[in-house]
Amino acid sequence: MATDIKGIREEVLQLHAHICSGLADPNRILLIYNLADGPKNVNDLAGALELNQPTVSRHLKVLRDRGIVHANREGQSVYYSLSDRRIIQALDLLRLVMAESLQNQASMVSHAINGTKN
């Protein structure tokens, strides 16, 4: 059964606009992984990732605008948390795909090198 490309086009465009663009910067992915342990404020995140506070705030705004994280004010502080923990599973799956791809590429290079020596 062929995939209905026209049927999923709008969904893919929205996925790209909302999720993929939010994950386009490696620091945002690191923020997401850091939030997997629970809510944190900007200063906690900045210290953990060794980034300055304005940079972390800017990245958190992108993630918040895309619904990946949400913010809760507690007194003077704002704590950020993941909106949906499944984002960690999705990122872990993508990392696994990438690792397997790199392993396959390394294996092909190794075979090519060993094949030319025979």
N, C-alpha and C. Protein backbone atom coordinates (compact mmCIF):
# COMPACT_ATOMS: atom_id res chain seq x y z
N MET A 1 0.84 -1.18 0.00
CA MET A 1 0.00 0.00 0.00
C MET A 1 0.89 1.25 0.00
N ALA A 2 0.71 2.10 -0.94
CA ALA A 2 1.52 3.31 -1.08
C ALA A 2 1.09 4.35 -0.05
N THR A 3 2.05 5.12 0.41
CA THR A 3 1.78 6.21 1.34
C THR A 3 1.08 7.33 0.59
N ASP A 4 0.03 7.87 1.18
CA ASP A 4 -0.72 8.97 0.59
C ASP A 4 0.01 10.28 0.90
N ILE A 5 0.95 10.65 0.02
CA ILE A 5 1.77 11.84 0.23
C ILE A 5 0.92 13.09 0.35
N LYS A 6 -0.06 13.22 -0.51
CA LYS A 6 -0.90 14.43 -0.45
C LYS A 6 -1.65 14.50 0.87
N GLY A 7 -2.04 13.34 1.39
CA GLY A 7 -2.80 13.30 2.64
C GLY A 7 -1.99 13.71 3.86
N ILE A 8 -0.69 13.50 3.83
CA ILE A 8 0.12 13.85 4.99
C ILE A 8 0.92 15.14 4.82
N ARG A 9 0.85 15.74 3.66
CA ARG A 9 1.64 16.94 3.38
C ARG A 9 1.42 18.03 4.43
N GLU A 10 0.18 18.37 4.74
CA GLU A 10 -0.11 19.44 5.70
C GLU A 10 0.42 19.08 7.08
N GLU A 11 0.26 17.83 7.46
CA GLU A 11 0.76 17.37 8.76
C GLU A 11 2.28 17.50 8.84
N VAL A 12 2.96 17.13 7.77
CA VAL A 12 4.42 17.23 7.73
C VAL A 12 4.86 18.68 7.78
N LEU A 13 4.17 19.55 7.06
CA LEU A 13 4.50 20.98 7.09
C LEU A 13 4.35 21.54 8.51
N GLN A 14 3.29 21.14 9.19
CA GLN A 14 3.09 21.61 10.56
C GLN A 14 4.13 21.02 11.50
N LEU A 15 4.46 19.75 11.30
CA LEU A 15 5.50 19.11 12.10
C LEU A 15 6.81 19.87 11.97
N HIS A 16 7.15 20.20 10.73
CA HIS A 16 8.39 20.93 10.50
C HIS A 16 8.34 22.32 11.14
N ALA A 17 7.25 23.02 10.95
CA ALA A 17 7.13 24.38 11.46
C ALA A 17 7.14 24.42 12.99
N HIS A 18 6.49 23.45 13.61
CA HIS A 18 6.34 23.52 15.07
C HIS A 18 7.39 22.74 15.84
N ILE A 19 7.71 21.56 15.39
CA ILE A 19 8.62 20.72 16.17
C ILE A 19 10.04 20.78 15.63
N CYS A 20 10.20 20.47 14.36
CA CYS A 20 11.57 20.38 13.80
C CYS A 20 12.32 21.70 13.92
N SER A 21 11.65 22.81 13.65
CA SER A 21 12.35 24.09 13.77
C SER A 21 12.73 24.37 15.22
N GLY A 22 11.95 23.87 16.15
CA GLY A 22 12.29 24.02 17.56
C GLY A 22 13.50 23.21 17.96
N LEU A 23 13.76 22.13 17.23
CA LEU A 23 14.89 21.26 17.53
C LEU A 23 16.11 21.56 16.67
N ALA A 24 16.04 22.61 15.88
CA ALA A 24 17.10 22.90 14.91
C ALA A 24 18.42 23.32 15.54
N ASP A 25 18.40 23.74 16.78
CA ASP A 25 19.64 24.16 17.45
C ASP A 25 20.02 23.11 18.49
N PRO A 26 21.25 22.63 18.48
CA PRO A 26 21.67 21.61 19.44
C PRO A 26 21.49 22.03 20.91
N ASN A 27 21.63 23.32 21.20
CA ASN A 27 21.43 23.78 22.57
C ASN A 27 20.00 23.57 23.03
N ARG A 28 19.04 23.69 22.13
CA ARG A 28 17.64 23.45 22.50
C ARG A 28 17.42 21.98 22.82
N ILE A 29 18.07 21.10 22.08
CA ILE A 29 17.96 19.67 22.37
C ILE A 29 18.57 19.38 23.74
N LEU A 30 19.71 20.00 24.03
CA LEU A 30 20.33 19.82 25.35
C LEU A 30 19.43 20.36 26.47
N LEU A 31 18.75 21.46 26.22
CA LEU A 31 17.80 21.99 27.21
C LEU A 31 16.69 20.98 27.46
N ILE A 32 16.17 20.39 26.40
CA ILE A 32 15.10 19.40 26.54
C ILE A 32 15.57 18.23 27.38
N TYR A 33 16.76 17.71 27.07
CA TYR A 33 17.28 16.60 27.86
C TYR A 33 17.49 17.00 29.32
N ASN A 34 17.93 18.22 29.56
CA ASN A 34 18.12 18.69 30.92
C ASN A 34 16.80 18.78 31.67
N LEU A 35 15.74 19.14 30.97
CA LEU A 35 14.42 19.24 31.60
C LEU A 35 13.76 17.88 31.81
N ALA A 36 14.33 16.83 31.26
CA ALA A 36 13.78 15.49 31.46
C ALA A 36 13.80 15.09 32.93
N ASP A 37 14.72 15.67 33.70
CA ASP A 37 14.83 15.36 35.12
C ASP A 37 13.83 16.12 35.98
N GLY A 38 13.13 17.07 35.39
CA GLY A 38 12.14 17.84 36.13
C GLY A 38 12.29 19.32 35.87
N PRO A 39 11.36 20.11 36.41
CA PRO A 39 11.36 21.56 36.18
C PRO A 39 12.64 22.23 36.68
N LYS A 40 13.05 23.24 35.91
CA LYS A 40 14.24 24.02 36.27
C LYS A 40 14.02 25.46 35.85
N ASN A 41 14.71 26.38 36.55
CA ASN A 41 14.63 27.77 36.14
C ASN A 41 15.79 28.09 35.20
N VAL A 42 15.77 29.28 34.65
CA VAL A 42 16.77 29.69 33.64
C VAL A 42 18.18 29.59 34.20
N ASN A 43 18.38 30.04 35.43
CA ASN A 43 19.72 30.01 36.00
C ASN A 43 20.24 28.59 36.19
N ASP A 44 19.36 27.67 36.61
CA ASP A 44 19.76 26.26 36.74
C ASP A 44 20.19 25.71 35.38
N LEU A 45 19.40 26.01 34.36
CA LEU A 45 19.69 25.51 33.01
C LEU A 45 20.97 26.14 32.46
N ALA A 46 21.14 27.43 32.67
CA ALA A 46 22.33 28.11 32.18
C ALA A 46 23.59 27.51 32.82
N GLY A 47 23.53 27.24 34.12
CA GLY A 47 24.67 26.64 34.80
C GLY A 47 24.95 25.23 34.31
N ALA A 48 23.91 24.44 34.13
CA ALA A 48 24.09 23.05 33.70
C ALA A 48 24.67 22.96 32.30
N LEU A 49 24.28 23.89 31.43
CA LEU A 49 24.72 23.83 30.03
C LEU A 49 25.90 24.76 29.75
N GLU A 50 26.32 25.49 30.76
CA GLU A 50 27.42 26.44 30.61
C GLU A 50 27.16 27.45 29.49
N LEU A 51 25.93 27.98 29.50
CA LEU A 51 25.52 29.02 28.57
C LEU A 51 25.11 30.24 29.38
N ASN A 52 25.15 31.41 28.75
CA ASN A 52 24.71 32.59 29.48
C ASN A 52 23.18 32.64 29.55
N GLN A 53 22.69 33.36 30.54
CA GLN A 53 21.25 33.40 30.80
C GLN A 53 20.44 33.94 29.62
N PRO A 54 20.88 35.02 28.95
CA PRO A 54 20.09 35.51 27.80
C PRO A 54 19.97 34.46 26.68
N THR A 55 21.03 33.70 26.44
CA THR A 55 20.98 32.66 25.40
C THR A 55 19.98 31.59 25.78
N VAL A 56 20.02 31.15 27.03
CA VAL A 56 19.08 30.12 27.50
C VAL A 56 17.65 30.65 27.41
N SER A 57 17.43 31.89 27.83
CA SER A 57 16.09 32.48 27.76
C SER A 57 15.56 32.52 26.33
N ARG A 58 16.44 32.87 25.40
CA ARG A 58 16.04 32.93 23.98
C ARG A 58 15.64 31.54 23.48
N HIS A 59 16.43 30.53 23.82
CA HIS A 59 16.11 29.17 23.38
C HIS A 59 14.83 28.66 24.04
N LEU A 60 14.64 28.99 25.31
CA LEU A 60 13.42 28.57 26.00
C LEU A 60 12.19 29.21 25.38
N LYS A 61 12.32 30.45 24.92
CA LYS A 61 11.19 31.11 24.26
C LYS A 61 10.80 30.36 22.99
N VAL A 62 11.79 29.95 22.22
CA VAL A 62 11.52 29.18 21.00
C VAL A 62 10.79 27.89 21.36
N LEU A 63 11.30 27.18 22.36
CA LEU A 63 10.69 25.92 22.76
C LEU A 63 9.28 26.13 23.32
N ARG A 64 9.09 27.20 24.06
CA ARG A 64 7.77 27.51 24.62
C ARG A 64 6.79 27.89 23.51
N ASP A 65 7.24 28.70 22.55
CA ASP A 65 6.37 29.10 21.43
C ASP A 65 5.91 27.90 20.60
N ARG A 66 6.70 26.85 20.59
CA ARG A 66 6.35 25.65 19.81
C ARG A 66 5.67 24.59 20.65
N GLY A 67 5.41 24.90 21.90
CA GLY A 67 4.68 23.99 22.77
C GLY A 67 5.50 22.81 23.28
N ILE A 68 6.81 22.89 23.18
CA ILE A 68 7.66 21.80 23.63
C ILE A 68 7.90 21.88 25.13
N VAL A 69 7.99 23.09 25.66
CA VAL A 69 8.10 23.30 27.11
C VAL A 69 7.01 24.28 27.54
N HIS A 70 6.71 24.25 28.84
CA HIS A 70 5.82 25.27 29.37
C HIS A 70 6.45 25.86 30.62
N ALA A 71 6.02 27.07 30.95
CA ALA A 71 6.60 27.83 32.05
C ALA A 71 5.57 28.00 33.15
N ASN A 72 6.04 27.87 34.39
CA ASN A 72 5.20 28.11 35.57
C ASN A 72 5.93 29.06 36.50
N ARG A 73 5.25 30.14 36.86
CA ARG A 73 5.84 31.11 37.77
C ARG A 73 5.62 30.64 39.20
N GLU A 74 6.72 30.66 39.97
CA GLU A 74 6.66 30.37 41.40
C GLU A 74 7.38 31.50 42.11
N GLY A 75 6.60 32.44 42.61
CA GLY A 75 7.18 33.63 43.25
C GLY A 75 7.93 34.45 42.21
N GLN A 76 9.20 34.70 42.48
CA GLN A 76 10.03 35.50 41.57
C GLN A 76 10.59 34.68 40.41
N SER A 77 10.55 33.37 40.52
CA SER A 77 11.18 32.50 39.52
C SER A 77 10.17 31.89 38.56
N VAL A 78 10.65 31.61 37.37
CA VAL A 78 9.86 30.89 36.37
C VAL A 78 10.54 29.55 36.16
N TYR A 79 9.78 28.48 36.32
CA TYR A 79 10.29 27.13 36.14
C TYR A 79 9.75 26.55 34.84
N TYR A 80 10.65 25.94 34.09
CA TYR A 80 10.31 25.35 32.80
C TYR A 80 10.27 23.84 32.93
N SER A 81 9.33 23.23 32.22
CA SER A 81 9.23 21.77 32.20
C SER A 81 8.76 21.33 30.82
N LEU A 82 8.95 20.05 30.55
CA LEU A 82 8.53 19.50 29.26
C LEU A 82 7.02 19.45 29.19
N SER A 83 6.47 19.82 28.05
CA SER A 83 5.03 19.73 27.86
C SER A 83 4.59 18.29 27.65
N ASP A 84 5.46 17.50 27.03
CA ASP A 84 5.14 16.10 26.74
C ASP A 84 6.45 15.31 26.79
N ARG A 85 6.55 14.40 27.73
CA ARG A 85 7.79 13.64 27.91
C ARG A 85 8.12 12.74 26.72
N ARG A 86 7.17 12.51 25.84
CA ARG A 86 7.45 11.68 24.66
C ARG A 86 8.49 12.31 23.75
N ILE A 87 8.75 13.61 23.91
CA ILE A 87 9.79 14.26 23.10
C ILE A 87 11.15 13.61 23.37
N ILE A 88 11.36 13.14 24.61
CA ILE A 88 12.62 12.46 24.95
C ILE A 88 12.70 11.14 24.20
N GLN A 89 11.61 10.40 24.14
CA GLN A 89 11.58 9.15 23.39
C GLN A 89 11.85 9.40 21.91
N ALA A 90 11.27 10.46 21.37
CA ALA A 90 11.47 10.78 19.96
C ALA A 90 12.94 11.14 19.69
N LEU A 91 13.53 11.93 20.57
CA LEU A 91 14.93 12.30 20.41
C LEU A 91 15.84 11.08 20.57
N ASP A 92 15.52 10.22 21.52
CA ASP A 92 16.31 9.00 21.70
C ASP A 92 16.24 8.12 20.46
N LEU A 93 15.07 8.02 19.85
CA LEU A 93 14.91 7.23 18.63
C LEU A 93 15.72 7.83 17.49
N LEU A 94 15.68 9.14 17.34
CA LEU A 94 16.48 9.80 16.30
C LEU A 94 17.98 9.59 16.53
N ARG A 95 18.40 9.63 17.79
CA ARG A 95 19.82 9.39 18.09
C ARG A 95 20.20 7.95 17.75
N LEU A 96 19.31 7.01 18.00
CA LEU A 96 19.56 5.61 17.67
C LEU A 96 19.67 5.43 16.15
N VAL A 97 18.78 6.04 15.41
CA VAL A 97 18.83 5.98 13.94
C VAL A 97 20.15 6.55 13.44
N MET A 98 20.55 7.69 14.00
CA MET A 98 21.81 8.31 13.59
C MET A 98 23.00 7.42 13.92
N ALA A 99 23.00 6.83 15.11
CA ALA A 99 24.12 5.96 15.52
C ALA A 99 24.23 4.75 14.61
N GLU A 100 23.09 4.15 14.27
CA GLU A 100 23.11 2.99 13.38
C GLU A 100 23.55 3.38 11.98
N SER A 101 23.14 4.54 11.52
CA SER A 101 23.56 5.02 10.21
C SER A 101 25.06 5.23 10.17
N LEU A 102 25.60 5.85 11.20
CA LEU A 102 27.04 6.08 11.27
C LEU A 102 27.81 4.76 11.36
N GLN A 103 27.25 3.80 12.08
CA GLN A 103 27.88 2.49 12.18
C GLN A 103 27.90 1.79 10.83
N ASN A 104 26.79 1.89 10.10
CA ASN A 104 26.73 1.29 8.75
C ASN A 104 27.73 1.96 7.80
N GLN A 105 27.84 3.28 7.88
CA GLN A 105 28.79 3.99 7.04
C GLN A 105 30.22 3.57 7.37
N ALA A 106 30.53 3.45 8.65
CA ALA A 106 31.88 3.04 9.06
C ALA A 106 32.17 1.62 8.57
N SER A 107 31.17 0.77 8.61
CA SER A 107 31.34 -0.61 8.14
C SER A 107 31.59 -0.64 6.64
N MET A 108 30.87 0.17 5.89
CA MET A 108 31.07 0.22 4.43
C MET A 108 32.46 0.74 4.10
N VAL A 109 32.93 1.75 4.82
CA VAL A 109 34.27 2.29 4.59
C VAL A 109 35.31 1.22 4.91
N SER A 110 35.11 0.53 6.01
CA SER A 110 36.04 -0.53 6.39
C SER A 110 36.09 -1.63 5.33
N HIS A 111 34.93 -2.03 4.82
CA HIS A 111 34.89 -3.06 3.76
C HIS A 111 35.56 -2.55 2.49
N ALA A 112 35.36 -1.28 2.17
CA ALA A 112 35.96 -0.71 0.96
C ALA A 112 37.48 -0.68 1.08
N ILE A 113 37.96 -0.31 2.25
CA ILE A 113 39.41 -0.25 2.47
C ILE A 113 40.01 -1.65 2.44
N ASN A 114 39.37 -2.58 3.14
CA ASN A 114 39.88 -3.95 3.17
C ASN A 114 39.75 -4.65 1.82
N GLY A 115 38.74 -4.28 1.06
CA GLY A 115 38.54 -4.87 -0.27
C GLY A 115 39.59 -4.41 -1.26
N THR A 116 40.10 -3.19 -1.11
CA THR A 116 41.11 -2.70 -2.03
C THR A 116 42.49 -3.22 -1.69
N LYS A 117 42.67 -3.78 -0.48
CA LYS A 117 43.97 -4.31 -0.09
C LYS A 117 44.16 -5.75 -0.56
N ASN A 118 43.09 -6.42 -0.95
CA ASN A 118 43.19 -7.84 -1.36
C ASN A 118 43.74 -8.00 -2.72
